[in-house]
Structures are given as C-alpha cells and as structure tokens.
Amino acid sequence: MLPAHWDTLMGHERPPSAEALRNETIEQLERFNITKAITSGEAERLKQFKKAAPDRIIRSQWIPWDIKGDSLPDIH
C-alpha cells in the first residue's frame, strides 16, 4: 500500500511478491509464538492469509484511503 521507497527509508527490504510477504509474515508469527493476528488489507489478499494460517489469522475490514460513498469492500 505504501510506496516502495518508504521501505528503504525505514531500513527494510520489500518482499518480492505478495506470496513472499505472506510466508515471511506467518514465519514471524510462528517464530514469536503469536497465536492470533488481526490482519487487514485487500479482500483477496486476506483470503490467502486466512487460508495459509486459518487458526492464526483474524480478518478485519480494510477501508481504502480513496473509497467514496458508502461502498465498503466485502471481506467474506
């Protein structure tokens, strides 16, 4: 969601793909024994996180910055 150069400014390297980000995130949750994580983002990406770690991921509603009117994305 944020520009790639922000990662560099913060001293982080952006994962090369959404799949790599998901895998790295779940690895860190396991590493630090985080049993539940509230996760927000685009609906399809949330589905993939939930599928990869169904007992660990709690999906939450994500409201894009540019949303107009009263139409919210469906996370189900």
PDB file of N, CA and C in Angstrom:
ATOM      1  N   MET A   1       0.812  -1.167   0.000  1.00  0.00           N
ATOM      2  CA  MET A   1       0.000   0.000   0.000  1.00  0.00           C
ATOM      3  C   MET A   1       0.871   1.253   0.000  1.00  0.00           C
ATOM      4  N   LEU A   2       1.993   1.238   0.686  1.00  0.00           N
ATOM      5  CA  LEU A   2       2.872   2.394   0.720  1.00  0.00           C
ATOM      6  C   LEU A   2       3.908   2.301  -0.393  1.00  0.00           C
ATOM      7  N   PRO A   3       4.434   3.435  -0.824  1.00  0.00           N
ATOM      8  CA  PRO A   3       5.452   3.415  -1.876  1.00  0.00           C
ATOM      9  C   PRO A   3       6.673   2.597  -1.459  1.00  0.00           C
ATOM     10  N   ALA A   4       7.281   1.910  -2.414  1.00  0.00           N
ATOM     11  CA  ALA A   4       8.405   1.014  -2.126  1.00  0.00           C
ATOM     12  C   ALA A   4       9.570   1.742  -1.465  1.00  0.00           C
ATOM     13  N   HIS A   5       9.813   2.989  -1.834  1.00  0.00           N
ATOM     14  CA  HIS A   5      10.970   3.682  -1.254  1.00  0.00           C
ATOM     15  C   HIS A   5      10.816   3.926   0.250  1.00  0.00           C
ATOM     16  N   TRP A   6       9.606   3.865   0.774  1.00  0.00           N
ATOM     17  CA  TRP A   6       9.408   4.018   2.215  1.00  0.00           C
ATOM     18  C   TRP A   6      10.059   2.861   2.958  1.00  0.00           C
ATOM     19  N   ASP A   7      10.013   1.666   2.371  1.00  0.00           N
ATOM     20  CA  ASP A   7      10.658   0.516   2.997  1.00  0.00           C
ATOM     21  C   ASP A   7      12.152   0.774   3.158  1.00  0.00           C
ATOM     22  N   THR A   8      12.767   1.278   2.105  1.00  0.00           N
ATOM     23  CA  THR A   8      14.199   1.559   2.131  1.00  0.00           C
ATOM     24  C   THR A   8      14.513   2.610   3.190  1.00  0.00           C
ATOM     25  N   LEU A   9      13.696   3.653   3.258  1.00  0.00           N
ATOM     26  CA  LEU A   9      13.912   4.697   4.256  1.00  0.00           C
ATOM     27  C   LEU A   9      13.834   4.146   5.679  1.00  0.00           C
ATOM     28  N   MET A  10      12.998   3.138   5.871  1.00  0.00           N
ATOM     29  CA  MET A  10      12.819   2.539   7.191  1.00  0.00           C
ATOM     30  C   MET A  10      13.829   1.419   7.462  1.00  0.00           C
ATOM     31  N   GLY A  11      14.688   1.117   6.482  1.00  0.00           N
ATOM     32  CA  GLY A  11      15.696   0.080   6.668  1.00  0.00           C
ATOM     33  C   GLY A  11      15.190  -1.327   6.418  1.00  0.00           C
ATOM     34  N   HIS A  12      14.117  -1.454   5.664  1.00  0.00           N
ATOM     35  CA  HIS A  12      13.549  -2.772   5.360  1.00  0.00           C
ATOM     36  C   HIS A  12      13.653  -3.052   3.869  1.00  0.00           C
ATOM     37  N   GLU A  13      13.681  -4.331   3.545  1.00  0.00           N
ATOM     38  CA  GLU A  13      13.640  -4.745   2.148  1.00  0.00           C
ATOM     39  C   GLU A  13      12.253  -5.301   1.864  1.00  0.00           C
ATOM     40  N   ARG A  14      11.609  -4.788   0.834  1.00  0.00           N
ATOM     41  CA  ARG A  14      10.258  -5.233   0.480  1.00  0.00           C
ATOM     42  C   ARG A  14      10.325  -6.649  -0.107  1.00  0.00           C
ATOM     43  N   PRO A  15       9.486  -7.568   0.364  1.00  0.00           N
ATOM     44  CA  PRO A  15       9.448  -8.907  -0.228  1.00  0.00           C
ATOM     45  C   PRO A  15       9.120  -8.820  -1.726  1.00  0.00           C
ATOM     46  N   PRO A  16       9.627  -9.754  -2.511  1.00  0.00           N
ATOM     47  CA  PRO A  16       9.461  -9.673  -3.964  1.00  0.00           C
ATOM     48  C   PRO A  16       8.040  -9.939  -4.466  1.00  0.00           C
ATOM     49  N   SER A  17       7.170 -10.504  -3.611  1.00  0.00           N
ATOM     50  CA  SER A  17       5.812 -10.818  -4.061  1.00  0.00           C
ATOM     51  C   SER A  17       4.872 -10.853  -2.866  1.00  0.00           C
ATOM     52  N   ALA A  18       3.578 -10.836  -3.162  1.00  0.00           N
ATOM     53  CA  ALA A  18       2.573 -10.943  -2.096  1.00  0.00           C
ATOM     54  C   ALA A  18       2.698 -12.289  -1.382  1.00  0.00           C
ATOM     55  N   GLU A  19       3.008 -13.325  -2.138  1.00  0.00           N
ATOM     56  CA  GLU A  19       3.176 -14.660  -1.545  1.00  0.00           C
ATOM     57  C   GLU A  19       4.364 -14.677  -0.580  1.00  0.00           C
ATOM     58  N   ALA A  20       5.469 -14.052  -0.976  1.00  0.00           N
ATOM     59  CA  ALA A  20       6.645 -13.991  -0.100  1.00  0.00           C
ATOM     60  C   ALA A  20       6.336 -13.203   1.166  1.00  0.00           C
ATOM     61  N   LEU A  21       5.598 -12.104   1.031  1.00  0.00           N
ATOM     62  CA  LEU A  21       5.203 -11.314   2.198  1.00  0.00           C
ATOM     63  C   LEU A  21       4.356 -12.156   3.149  1.00  0.00           C
ATOM     64  N   ARG A  22       3.397 -12.881   2.600  1.00  0.00           N
ATOM     65  CA  ARG A  22       2.535 -13.730   3.424  1.00  0.00           C
ATOM     66  C   ARG A  22       3.377 -14.785   4.149  1.00  0.00           C
ATOM     67  N   ASN A  23       4.253 -15.453   3.430  1.00  0.00           N
ATOM     68  CA  ASN A  23       5.073 -16.503   4.035  1.00  0.00           C
ATOM     69  C   ASN A  23       5.979 -15.955   5.124  1.00  0.00           C
ATOM     70  N   GLU A  24       6.623 -14.808   4.857  1.00  0.00           N
ATOM     71  CA  GLU A  24       7.506 -14.198   5.853  1.00  0.00           C
ATOM     72  C   GLU A  24       6.720 -13.757   7.087  1.00  0.00           C
ATOM     73  N   THR A  25       5.540 -13.221   6.868  1.00  0.00           N
ATOM     74  CA  THR A  25       4.704 -12.779   7.989  1.00  0.00           C
ATOM     75  C   THR A  25       4.322 -13.964   8.866  1.00  0.00           C
ATOM     76  N   ILE A  26       3.869 -15.031   8.259  1.00  0.00           N
ATOM     77  CA  ILE A  26       3.457 -16.213   9.028  1.00  0.00           C
ATOM     78  C   ILE A  26       4.655 -16.835   9.742  1.00  0.00           C
ATOM     79  N   GLU A  27       5.822 -16.846   9.097  1.00  0.00           N
ATOM     80  CA  GLU A  27       7.033 -17.350   9.752  1.00  0.00           C
ATOM     81  C   GLU A  27       7.345 -16.543  11.013  1.00  0.00           C
ATOM     82  N   GLN A  28       7.190 -15.222  10.944  1.00  0.00           N
ATOM     83  CA  GLN A  28       7.462 -14.381  12.114  1.00  0.00           C
ATOM     84  C   GLN A  28       6.418 -14.595  13.214  1.00  0.00           C
ATOM     85  N   LEU A  29       5.176 -14.774  12.826  1.00  0.00           N
ATOM     86  CA  LEU A  29       4.142 -15.071  13.823  1.00  0.00           C
ATOM     87  C   LEU A  29       4.488 -16.353  14.564  1.00  0.00           C
ATOM     88  N   GLU A  30       4.919 -17.365  13.829  1.00  0.00           N
ATOM     89  CA  GLU A  30       5.305 -18.635  14.448  1.00  0.00           C
ATOM     90  C   GLU A  30       6.557 -18.462  15.308  1.00  0.00           C
ATOM     91  N   ARG A  31       7.543 -17.743  14.782  1.00  0.00           N
ATOM     92  CA  ARG A  31       8.808 -17.543  15.488  1.00  0.00           C
ATOM     93  C   ARG A  31       8.593 -16.902  16.856  1.00  0.00           C
ATOM     94  N   PHE A  32       7.712 -15.914  16.908  1.00  0.00           N
ATOM     95  CA  PHE A  32       7.476 -15.199  18.156  1.00  0.00           C
ATOM     96  C   PHE A  32       6.253 -15.715  18.922  1.00  0.00           C
ATOM     97  N   ASN A  33       5.758 -16.875  18.488  1.00  0.00           N
ATOM     98  CA  ASN A  33       4.631 -17.542  19.147  1.00  0.00           C
ATOM     99  C   ASN A  33       3.412 -16.623  19.276  1.00  0.00           C
ATOM    100  N   ILE A  34       3.126 -15.889  18.219  1.00  0.00           N
ATOM    101  CA  ILE A  34       1.933 -15.051  18.176  1.00  0.00           C
ATOM    102  C   ILE A  34       0.806 -15.937  17.673  1.00  0.00           C
ATOM    103  N   THR A  35      -0.157 -16.187  18.530  1.00  0.00           N
ATOM    104  CA  THR A  35      -1.188 -17.167  18.199  1.00  0.00           C
ATOM    105  C   THR A  35      -2.352 -16.583  17.423  1.00  0.00           C
ATOM    106  N   LYS A  36      -2.574 -15.272  17.517  1.00  0.00           N
ATOM    107  CA  LYS A  36      -3.651 -14.609  16.779  1.00  0.00           C
ATOM    108  C   LYS A  36      -3.130 -13.270  16.259  1.00  0.00           C
ATOM    109  N   ALA A  37      -3.490 -12.957  15.033  1.00  0.00           N
ATOM    110  CA  ALA A  37      -3.079 -11.683  14.435  1.00  0.00           C
ATOM    111  C   ALA A  37      -4.254 -11.099  13.660  1.00  0.00           C
ATOM    112  N   ILE A  38      -4.626  -9.882  14.005  1.00  0.00           N
ATOM    113  CA  ILE A  38      -5.676  -9.189  13.258  1.00  0.00           C
ATOM    114  C   ILE A  38      -5.036  -8.626  12.004  1.00  0.00           C
ATOM    115  N   THR A  39      -5.591  -8.988  10.871  1.00  0.00           N
ATOM    116  CA  THR A  39      -4.991  -8.675   9.580  1.00  0.00           C
ATOM    117  C   THR A  39      -5.988  -7.923   8.715  1.00  0.00           C
ATOM    118  N   SER A  40      -5.529  -6.834   8.108  1.00  0.00           N
ATOM    119  CA  SER A  40      -6.399  -6.097   7.199  1.00  0.00           C
ATOM    120  C   SER A  40      -5.691  -5.934   5.866  1.00  0.00           C
ATOM    121  N   GLY A  41      -6.464  -5.620   4.851  1.00  0.00           N
ATOM    122  CA  GLY A  41      -5.911  -5.435   3.514  1.00  0.00           C
ATOM    123  C   GLY A  41      -6.957  -5.755   2.475  1.00  0.00           C
ATOM    124  N   GLU A  42      -6.511  -5.874   1.257  1.00  0.00           N
ATOM    125  CA  GLU A  42      -7.430  -6.183   0.160  1.00  0.00           C
ATOM    126  C   GLU A  42      -8.063  -7.555   0.392  1.00  0.00           C
ATOM    127  N   ALA A  43      -9.323  -7.683   0.021  1.00  0.00           N
ATOM    128  CA  ALA A  43     -10.100  -8.891   0.320  1.00  0.00           C
ATOM    129  C   ALA A  43      -9.418 -10.169  -0.166  1.00  0.00           C
ATOM    130  N   GLU A  44      -8.917 -10.184  -1.375  1.00  0.00           N
ATOM    131  CA  GLU A  44      -8.287 -11.407  -1.908  1.00  0.00           C
ATOM    132  C   GLU A  44      -7.015 -11.748  -1.137  1.00  0.00           C
ATOM    133  N   ARG A  45      -6.237 -10.729  -0.775  1.00  0.00           N
ATOM    134  CA  ARG A  45      -5.012 -10.982  -0.001  1.00  0.00           C
ATOM    135  C   ARG A  45      -5.365 -11.533   1.372  1.00  0.00           C
ATOM    136  N   LEU A  46      -6.422 -11.012   1.991  1.00  0.00           N
ATOM    137  CA  LEU A  46      -6.853 -11.527   3.293  1.00  0.00           C
ATOM    138  C   LEU A  46      -7.257 -12.987   3.204  1.00  0.00           C
ATOM    139  N   LYS A  47      -7.959 -13.339   2.146  1.00  0.00           N
ATOM    140  CA  LYS A  47      -8.368 -14.738   1.962  1.00  0.00           C
ATOM    141  C   LYS A  47      -7.155 -15.651   1.908  1.00  0.00           C
ATOM    142  N   GLN A  48      -6.102 -15.199   1.228  1.00  0.00           N
ATOM    143  CA  GLN A  48      -4.894 -16.019   1.113  1.00  0.00           C
ATOM    144  C   GLN A  48      -4.171 -16.148   2.462  1.00  0.00           C
ATOM    145  N   PHE A  49      -4.119 -15.069   3.238  1.00  0.00           N
ATOM    146  CA  PHE A  49      -3.528 -15.141   4.584  1.00  0.00           C
ATOM    147  C   PHE A  49      -4.319 -16.124   5.443  1.00  0.00           C
ATOM    148  N   LYS A  50      -5.644 -15.994   5.423  1.00  0.00           N
ATOM    149  CA  LYS A  50      -6.503 -16.862   6.239  1.00  0.00           C
ATOM    150  C   LYS A  50      -6.353 -18.322   5.825  1.00  0.00           C
ATOM    151  N   LYS A  51      -6.254 -18.564   4.523  1.00  0.00           N
ATOM    152  CA  LYS A  51      -6.087 -19.929   4.010  1.00  0.00           C
ATOM    153  C   LYS A  51      -4.745 -20.521   4.474  1.00  0.00           C
ATOM    154  N   ALA A  52      -3.701 -19.689   4.496  1.00  0.00           N
ATOM    155  CA  ALA A  52      -2.368 -20.164   4.865  1.00  0.00           C
ATOM    156  C   ALA A  52      -2.230 -20.412   6.369  1.00  0.00           C
ATOM    157  N   ALA A  53      -2.982 -19.666   7.183  1.00  0.00           N
ATOM    158  CA  ALA A  53      -2.891 -19.821   8.640  1.00  0.00           C
ATOM    159  C   ALA A  53      -4.270 -19.612   9.257  1.00  0.00           C
ATOM    160  N   PRO A  54      -5.185 -20.542   9.023  1.00  0.00           N
ATOM    161  CA  PRO A  54      -6.582 -20.341   9.425  1.00  0.00           C
ATOM    162  C   PRO A  54      -6.807 -20.150  10.920  1.00  0.00           C
ATOM    163  N   ASP A  55      -6.004 -20.776  11.766  1.00  0.00           N
ATOM    164  CA  ASP A  55      -6.198 -20.642  13.207  1.00  0.00           C
ATOM    165  C   ASP A  55      -5.483 -19.429  13.792  1.00  0.00           C
ATOM    166  N   ARG A  56      -4.653 -18.789  13.003  1.00  0.00           N
ATOM    167  CA  ARG A  56      -3.829 -17.697  13.496  1.00  0.00           C
ATOM    168  C   ARG A  56      -4.315 -16.324  13.027  1.00  0.00           C
ATOM    169  N   ILE A  57      -4.920 -16.267  11.843  1.00  0.00           N
ATOM    170  CA  ILE A  57      -5.304 -15.003  11.223  1.00  0.00           C
ATOM    171  C   ILE A  57      -6.755 -14.645  11.524  1.00  0.00           C
ATOM    172  N   ILE A  58      -6.968 -13.415  11.973  1.00  0.00           N
ATOM    173  CA  ILE A  58      -8.304 -12.863  12.155  1.00  0.00           C
ATOM    174  C   ILE A  58      -8.437 -11.735  11.131  1.00  0.00           C
ATOM    175  N   ARG A  59      -9.367 -11.890  10.206  1.00  0.00           N
ATOM    176  CA  ARG A  59      -9.543 -10.867   9.164  1.00  0.00           C
ATOM    177  C   ARG A  59     -10.335  -9.688   9.722  1.00  0.00           C
ATOM    178  N   SER A  60      -9.925  -8.490   9.323  1.00  0.00           N
ATOM    179  CA  SER A  60     -10.685  -7.300   9.707  1.00  0.00           C
ATOM    180  C   SER A  60     -10.997  -6.484   8.454  1.00  0.00           C
ATOM    181  N   GLN A  61     -11.928  -5.598   8.602  1.00  0.00           N
ATOM    182  CA  GLN A  61     -12.341  -4.760   7.474  1.00  0.00           C
ATOM    183  C   GLN A  61     -11.245  -3.754   7.145  1.00  0.00           C
ATOM    184  N   TRP A  62     -10.958  -3.600   5.878  1.00  0.00           N
ATOM    185  CA  TRP A  62      -9.981  -2.615   5.410  1.00  0.00           C
ATOM    186  C   TRP A  62     -10.724  -1.576   4.602  1.00  0.00           C
ATOM    187  N   ILE A  63     -10.528  -0.334   4.928  1.00  0.00           N
ATOM    188  CA  ILE A  63     -11.180   0.740   4.194  1.00  0.00           C
ATOM    189  C   ILE A  63     -10.104   1.494   3.413  1.00  0.00           C
ATOM    190  N   PRO A  64     -10.089   1.353   2.093  1.00  0.00           N
ATOM    191  CA  PRO A  64      -9.085   2.036   1.279  1.00  0.00           C
ATOM    192  C   PRO A  64      -9.160   3.552   1.468  1.00  0.00           C
ATOM    193  N   TRP A  65      -8.029   4.210   1.349  1.00  0.00           N
ATOM    194  CA  TRP A  65      -7.961   5.654   1.519  1.00  0.00           C
ATOM    195  C   TRP A  65      -8.824   6.386   0.509  1.00  0.00           C
ATOM    196  N   ASP A  66      -8.975   5.819  -0.671  1.00  0.00           N
ATOM    197  CA  ASP A  66      -9.664   6.529  -1.746  1.00  0.00           C
ATOM    198  C   ASP A  66     -11.130   6.114  -1.901  1.00  0.00           C
ATOM    199  N   ILE A  67     -11.690   5.431  -0.909  1.00  0.00           N
ATOM    200  CA  ILE A  67     -13.075   4.968  -1.025  1.00  0.00           C
ATOM    201  C   ILE A  67     -14.036   6.178  -1.026  1.00  0.00           C
ATOM    202  N   LYS A  68     -15.060   6.049  -1.810  1.00  0.00           N
ATOM    203  CA  LYS A  68     -16.052   7.120  -1.898  1.00  0.00           C
ATOM    204  C   LYS A  68     -17.445   6.534  -1.655  1.00  0.00           C
ATOM    205  N   GLY A  69     -18.302   7.356  -1.087  1.00  0.00           N
ATOM    206  CA  GLY A  69     -19.666   6.880  -0.832  1.00  0.00           C
ATOM    207  C   GLY A  69     -19.698   5.902   0.322  1.00  0.00           C
ATOM    208  N   ASP A  70     -20.692   5.035   0.301  1.00  0.00           N
ATOM    209  CA  ASP A  70     -20.850   4.079   1.387  1.00  0.00           C
ATOM    210  C   ASP A  70     -20.629   2.653   0.925  1.00  0.00           C
ATOM    211  N   SER A  71     -19.777   2.457  -0.077  1.00  0.00           N
ATOM    212  CA  SER A  71     -19.500   1.098  -0.556  1.00  0.00           C
ATOM    213  C   SER A  71     -18.194   0.593   0.058  1.00  0.00           C
ATOM    214  N   LEU A  72     -18.278  -0.383   0.927  1.00  0.00           N
ATOM    215  CA  LEU A  72     -17.118  -0.981   1.551  1.00  0.00           C
ATOM    216  C   LEU A  72     -16.811  -2.317   0.884  1.00  0.00           C
ATOM    217  N   PRO A  73     -15.533  -2.670   0.776  1.00  0.00           N
ATOM    218  CA  PRO A  73     -15.183  -3.966   0.191  1.00  0.00           C
ATOM    219  C   PRO A  73     -15.679  -5.115   1.063  1.00  0.00           C
ATOM    220  N   ASP A  74     -16.097  -6.194   0.454  1.00  0.00           N
ATOM    221  CA  ASP A  74     -16.571  -7.372   1.162  1.00  0.00           C
ATOM    222  C   ASP A  74     -15.394  -8.266   1.480  1.00  0.00           C
ATOM    223  N   ILE A  75     -15.179  -8.607   2.756  1.00  0.00           N
ATOM    224  CA  ILE A  75     -14.036  -9.451   3.138  1.00  0.00           C
ATOM    225  C   ILE A  75     -14.417 -10.920   3.252  1.00  0.00           C
ATOM    226  N   HIS A  76     -15.654 -11.271   2.998  1.00  0.00           N
ATOM    227  CA  HIS A  76     -16.076 -12.668   3.172  1.00  0.00           C
ATOM    228  C   HIS A  76     -15.965 -13.466   1.933  1.00  0.00           C
TER     229      HIS A  76
END
